[in-house]
Amino acid sequence: MKKAQAAIVYVFMALMLVSASAIGNESAAGGGQPSAVFPETSFTFSPVPEGMEVKHDYPVVNQGSADLEITRIETT
């Protein structure tokens, strides 16, 4: 009888581990992915006198279902 009880406990624990793993994977997948969309990808400045500072904002829209984290920006 003790072997049967031990087997039931082991099976139950194995099912719990598999269930916990599946729930963890589902919640990670269910979190979605960010999706950065740049409505404007280039901008041409008119002639600028030397030494004058110019600025232009590039909007970024997150159309994904998770937070978008921008960690690095490079210019060309």
N, C-alpha and C. Protein backbone atom coordinates (compact mmCIF):
# COMPACT_ATOMS: atom_id res chain seq x y z
N MET A 1 0.82 -1.20 0.00
CA MET A 1 0.00 0.00 0.00
C MET A 1 0.86 1.26 0.00
N LYS A 2 1.99 1.23 0.75
CA LYS A 2 2.86 2.40 0.82
C LYS A 2 3.49 2.69 -0.54
N LYS A 3 3.81 1.64 -1.32
CA LYS A 3 4.37 1.85 -2.65
C LYS A 3 3.37 2.52 -3.56
N ALA A 4 2.11 2.14 -3.45
CA ALA A 4 1.07 2.75 -4.27
C ALA A 4 0.90 4.22 -3.89
N GLN A 5 0.93 4.53 -2.61
CA GLN A 5 0.81 5.92 -2.17
C GLN A 5 2.01 6.74 -2.63
N ALA A 6 3.20 6.16 -2.54
CA ALA A 6 4.40 6.86 -2.98
C ALA A 6 4.34 7.11 -4.49
N ALA A 7 3.86 6.14 -5.25
CA ALA A 7 3.74 6.30 -6.70
C ALA A 7 2.75 7.41 -7.02
N ILE A 8 1.65 7.47 -6.30
CA ILE A 8 0.65 8.52 -6.53
C ILE A 8 1.25 9.89 -6.22
N VAL A 9 2.01 9.97 -5.13
CA VAL A 9 2.65 11.24 -4.77
C VAL A 9 3.63 11.67 -5.85
N TYR A 10 4.45 10.73 -6.35
CA TYR A 10 5.41 11.06 -7.41
C TYR A 10 4.71 11.51 -8.69
N VAL A 11 3.67 10.84 -9.07
CA VAL A 11 2.92 11.23 -10.27
C VAL A 11 2.31 12.60 -10.08
N PHE A 12 1.75 12.86 -8.91
CA PHE A 12 1.14 14.15 -8.62
C PHE A 12 2.20 15.27 -8.69
N MET A 13 3.38 15.02 -8.10
CA MET A 13 4.44 16.02 -8.12
C MET A 13 4.93 16.27 -9.55
N ALA A 14 5.03 15.23 -10.34
CA ALA A 14 5.46 15.38 -11.73
C ALA A 14 4.45 16.21 -12.51
N LEU A 15 3.17 15.94 -12.29
CA LEU A 15 2.14 16.73 -12.97
C LEU A 15 2.19 18.19 -12.55
N MET A 16 2.46 18.44 -11.28
CA MET A 16 2.55 19.81 -10.80
C MET A 16 3.73 20.54 -11.46
N LEU A 17 4.86 19.86 -11.59
CA LEU A 17 6.02 20.48 -12.24
C LEU A 17 5.75 20.77 -13.70
N VAL A 18 5.13 19.84 -14.40
CA VAL A 18 4.80 20.05 -15.81
C VAL A 18 3.81 21.19 -15.95
N SER A 19 2.82 21.25 -15.08
CA SER A 19 1.82 22.32 -15.14
C SER A 19 2.46 23.67 -14.87
N ALA A 20 3.34 23.75 -13.87
CA ALA A 20 4.00 25.02 -13.56
C ALA A 20 4.85 25.48 -14.72
N SER A 21 5.54 24.56 -15.36
CA SER A 21 6.36 24.90 -16.52
C SER A 21 5.50 25.41 -17.67
N ALA A 22 4.39 24.75 -17.92
CA ALA A 22 3.50 25.17 -19.01
C ALA A 22 2.90 26.53 -18.72
N ILE A 23 2.53 26.79 -17.49
CA ILE A 23 1.96 28.10 -17.13
C ILE A 23 3.01 29.18 -17.30
N GLY A 24 4.25 28.92 -16.89
CA GLY A 24 5.32 29.89 -17.05
C GLY A 24 5.57 30.21 -18.51
N ASN A 25 5.60 29.19 -19.36
CA ASN A 25 5.80 29.42 -20.79
C ASN A 25 4.63 30.16 -21.41
N GLU A 26 3.43 29.86 -20.98
CA GLU A 26 2.25 30.52 -21.52
C GLU A 26 2.23 31.99 -21.15
N SER A 27 2.58 32.31 -19.89
CA SER A 27 2.55 33.71 -19.49
C SER A 27 3.64 34.49 -20.20
N ALA A 28 4.80 33.87 -20.45
CA ALA A 28 5.85 34.56 -21.18
C ALA A 28 5.42 34.79 -22.62
N ALA A 29 4.79 33.80 -23.23
CA ALA A 29 4.33 33.94 -24.61
C ALA A 29 3.14 34.89 -24.67
N GLY A 30 2.29 34.85 -23.66
CA GLY A 30 1.10 35.70 -23.64
C GLY A 30 1.43 37.16 -23.44
N GLY A 31 2.67 37.45 -22.97
CA GLY A 31 3.08 38.83 -22.76
C GLY A 31 3.24 39.58 -24.06
N GLY A 32 3.34 38.87 -25.15
CA GLY A 32 3.46 39.50 -26.46
C GLY A 32 4.85 40.05 -26.71
N GLN A 33 4.99 40.77 -27.77
CA GLN A 33 6.26 41.36 -28.18
C GLN A 33 6.06 42.84 -28.48
N PRO A 34 7.06 43.66 -28.24
CA PRO A 34 6.98 45.05 -28.67
C PRO A 34 7.17 45.13 -30.18
N SER A 35 6.66 46.18 -30.78
CA SER A 35 6.83 46.37 -32.21
C SER A 35 6.99 47.86 -32.48
N ALA A 36 8.23 48.28 -32.69
CA ALA A 36 8.52 49.69 -32.93
C ALA A 36 8.17 50.05 -34.37
N VAL A 37 7.38 51.09 -34.53
CA VAL A 37 7.01 51.59 -35.86
C VAL A 37 7.44 53.04 -35.93
N PHE A 38 8.17 53.38 -36.99
CA PHE A 38 8.64 54.74 -37.20
C PHE A 38 7.88 55.33 -38.39
N PRO A 39 6.87 56.17 -38.12
CA PRO A 39 6.10 56.75 -39.22
C PRO A 39 6.98 57.59 -40.16
N GLU A 40 8.06 58.14 -39.64
CA GLU A 40 8.96 58.97 -40.44
C GLU A 40 10.37 58.42 -40.25
N THR A 41 11.02 58.00 -41.34
CA THR A 41 12.34 57.40 -41.21
C THR A 41 13.46 58.30 -41.70
N SER A 42 13.14 59.41 -42.32
CA SER A 42 14.19 60.34 -42.74
C SER A 42 13.63 61.76 -42.73
N PHE A 43 14.54 62.71 -42.67
CA PHE A 43 14.16 64.12 -42.67
C PHE A 43 15.30 64.89 -43.31
N THR A 44 14.98 65.80 -44.22
CA THR A 44 16.00 66.60 -44.88
C THR A 44 15.95 68.02 -44.31
N PHE A 45 17.04 68.41 -43.69
CA PHE A 45 17.13 69.77 -43.17
C PHE A 45 17.45 70.71 -44.32
N SER A 46 16.90 71.92 -44.23
CA SER A 46 17.28 72.95 -45.20
C SER A 46 18.70 73.38 -44.85
N PRO A 47 19.36 74.12 -45.72
CA PRO A 47 20.74 74.54 -45.40
C PRO A 47 20.79 75.24 -44.03
N VAL A 48 21.80 74.89 -43.27
CA VAL A 48 21.94 75.40 -41.91
C VAL A 48 23.27 76.13 -41.80
N PRO A 49 23.23 77.35 -41.28
CA PRO A 49 24.50 78.06 -41.09
C PRO A 49 25.42 77.30 -40.12
N GLU A 50 26.72 77.37 -40.38
CA GLU A 50 27.68 76.66 -39.54
C GLU A 50 27.55 77.10 -38.09
N GLY A 51 27.56 76.13 -37.20
CA GLY A 51 27.49 76.41 -35.77
C GLY A 51 26.07 76.49 -35.22
N MET A 52 25.07 76.53 -36.08
CA MET A 52 23.68 76.59 -35.62
C MET A 52 23.20 75.19 -35.25
N GLU A 53 22.52 75.09 -34.13
CA GLU A 53 21.99 73.80 -33.69
C GLU A 53 20.63 73.56 -34.33
N VAL A 54 20.45 72.36 -34.85
CA VAL A 54 19.16 71.99 -35.44
C VAL A 54 18.64 70.74 -34.73
N LYS A 55 17.35 70.63 -34.63
CA LYS A 55 16.72 69.49 -33.98
C LYS A 55 15.55 69.01 -34.80
N HIS A 56 15.27 67.72 -34.67
CA HIS A 56 14.08 67.15 -35.30
C HIS A 56 13.67 65.93 -34.48
N ASP A 57 12.41 65.83 -34.16
CA ASP A 57 11.90 64.69 -33.41
C ASP A 57 11.40 63.62 -34.36
N TYR A 58 11.75 62.39 -34.07
CA TYR A 58 11.26 61.23 -34.82
C TYR A 58 10.31 60.46 -33.90
N PRO A 59 9.04 60.46 -34.22
CA PRO A 59 8.11 59.72 -33.35
C PRO A 59 8.33 58.21 -33.48
N VAL A 60 8.15 57.53 -32.37
CA VAL A 60 8.23 56.07 -32.33
C VAL A 60 6.92 55.59 -31.71
N VAL A 61 6.25 54.69 -32.40
CA VAL A 61 4.98 54.16 -31.92
C VAL A 61 5.15 52.67 -31.64
N ASN A 62 4.76 52.26 -30.45
CA ASN A 62 4.80 50.83 -30.10
C ASN A 62 3.45 50.22 -30.47
N GLN A 63 3.44 49.43 -31.54
CA GLN A 63 2.21 48.77 -31.95
C GLN A 63 2.16 47.32 -31.47
N GLY A 64 3.08 46.95 -30.60
CA GLY A 64 3.10 45.60 -30.04
C GLY A 64 2.25 45.54 -28.78
N SER A 65 2.26 44.38 -28.18
CA SER A 65 1.45 44.16 -26.98
C SER A 65 2.29 44.07 -25.71
N ALA A 66 3.58 44.44 -25.81
CA ALA A 66 4.46 44.47 -24.63
C ALA A 66 5.17 45.81 -24.62
N ASP A 67 5.72 46.17 -23.48
CA ASP A 67 6.44 47.43 -23.37
C ASP A 67 7.63 47.45 -24.32
N LEU A 68 7.84 48.60 -24.95
CA LEU A 68 8.99 48.80 -25.84
C LEU A 68 10.08 49.50 -25.05
N GLU A 69 11.24 48.89 -25.02
CA GLU A 69 12.38 49.47 -24.30
C GLU A 69 13.46 49.83 -25.32
N ILE A 70 13.77 51.11 -25.43
CA ILE A 70 14.81 51.56 -26.35
C ILE A 70 16.09 51.71 -25.54
N THR A 71 17.09 50.93 -25.88
CA THR A 71 18.32 50.92 -25.08
C THR A 71 19.50 51.57 -25.80
N ARG A 72 19.39 51.78 -27.10
CA ARG A 72 20.50 52.38 -27.84
C ARG A 72 19.97 53.04 -29.11
N ILE A 73 20.55 54.20 -29.42
CA ILE A 73 20.18 54.92 -30.64
C ILE A 73 21.48 55.30 -31.36
N GLU A 74 21.50 55.09 -32.66
CA GLU A 74 22.66 55.47 -33.46
C GLU A 74 22.19 56.37 -34.59
N THR A 75 23.05 57.32 -34.96
CA THR A 75 22.74 58.20 -36.09
C THR A 75 23.70 57.90 -37.22
N THR A 76 23.29 58.26 -38.42
CA THR A 76 24.17 58.07 -39.58
C THR A 76 24.37 59.37 -40.29
